[in-house]
Amino acid sequence: KQWYQRRVVITAGEFYRLHREKLMMIQFAALLLLVGSVVALADDRGNLTDRLESFHAILEKLPGDMFEIELDLETYKEEDQDELVAEADEQASAIRKKLIEASNEVYELRLLAELLIRRKEKKQEEKEKEEKEEEDRRCGTWNLGMNLNPSDGHVMGYETGWSDDSSIGSLKEALIKDYLNQTVWNTPANHIAIVRHHQGALDAVKVFTFKHWGLSLSHRFKDTDPGRNVVSEGGPVQVYTTPGAHNLVDDPIFSVGGDLAFNWGYSRNGARLVLSGGHLSGADVDDDNTHGFGNNFWVRPKMIEDPEASPGWAHEISNNQDCPYPSCTQVTGVKIQGTDHGSGSTLKGGPVYGNYALYVSDDVTSFPTDGLKLGTSVIVCENKE
């Protein structure tokens, strides 16, 4: 009996030493299951699902290792009714079952972790969407409706483009040649920015708010009878010229104060866009002396389209000046920018001060001036705190 007890003790010791590594691995895995998974859940720095998947892969092998231990236990059986070996075998089997259960639970935990991560990602997406919507509420867009280049060989006089529902030019050359975007031209707008620029590099800008909101430029420039509409009030809401900008003394926009006026017809003359601070001829005064954008000295200005308008007296941009007919002779002449004008005897081409772009917006009242390169759309985010 003493020999038998001693033999069992020795055998158990030998068994532990023989399987010490597997048993320690099982104990370590059980500890990881209890502690490691909880830590992983709280740790956002690692990929939780990858870590659980790796842990599950390790744990999944342990029941097999435990089964091998069960088989090894059988080799220590001394007789058919070896209660000690039977008890050890039962314990090993119970551990194996628990390991299988733990493996399944870790797998389920990984699925739950994936759900948690997806929920977190969804919340993050919703947060980013809300932030974007908030930014959109604070931001607005200026859209390019027209660009005037007074020396590109295409004359934008009183009759061309302003009210005839036709697009002009191409998107590629929108800021270097005459351009009109009919989509923008027919979109209701509450604010307008007139930007003088050099191939997209801003030189000067004035922003006005229309008196009557919700009307498109197409609608406004078709309002020719009686026409002579002062379309803004209170003057510009923003005026900016870049340091060192030239040719500001007689610029039709930036040397003149007052409000915007559209379709300024007088006798057989008309100017599409002028400023009220310049000379505005009386309705029946035929003095060729109102100057701005889209001009003609021989046109019936109340007509949206005048088939008898003379291209010879059409001119795109005339500078601010006081040179009334008939005292304005061929010698002094009417000062025109560039070469885009007819052959009228008093029309005198001169330096081009820049391209002039007309941008419109529904909800933005300021135009960026921080070295921005212009495009067909300009996004502005205003601080509304």
Foldseek 3Di string as FASTA:
>chain_A
DVVVVVLVVVVVVVLCVVCVVLVVLLVVLVVCLVPVLVVLLVDPPDDNLVVLVVSLVSLVCSLVVLVVSLVVLVVVDPDPPRVVSVVVSVVSVVSSVVSVVSSVVSVVVSVVVVVVVVVVVVVVVVVVVVVVVVQVVQKWKWFFAWKADQAPQAFQAQQPDQAPLDWDDDQVCRFPHTTGDSVQQAFWFFKKKKFFAAQQWTFKIFMFGFPDGRGGSNVLQLQVVVFFAQGGPPWTPDIDGDPPQDDQCFAQPRNFTATWGALQAAQQKTAGIGHPRADRDDNDDLWLQGFAARIFSGHDSSHSHGPPGDQQRTGGGFTGDGQTPPNQALVNATEGEHDNGHNPSRYDYDHHSGMIIMIGIHDDRDDDNPRDRDHSMDMDRDDPD
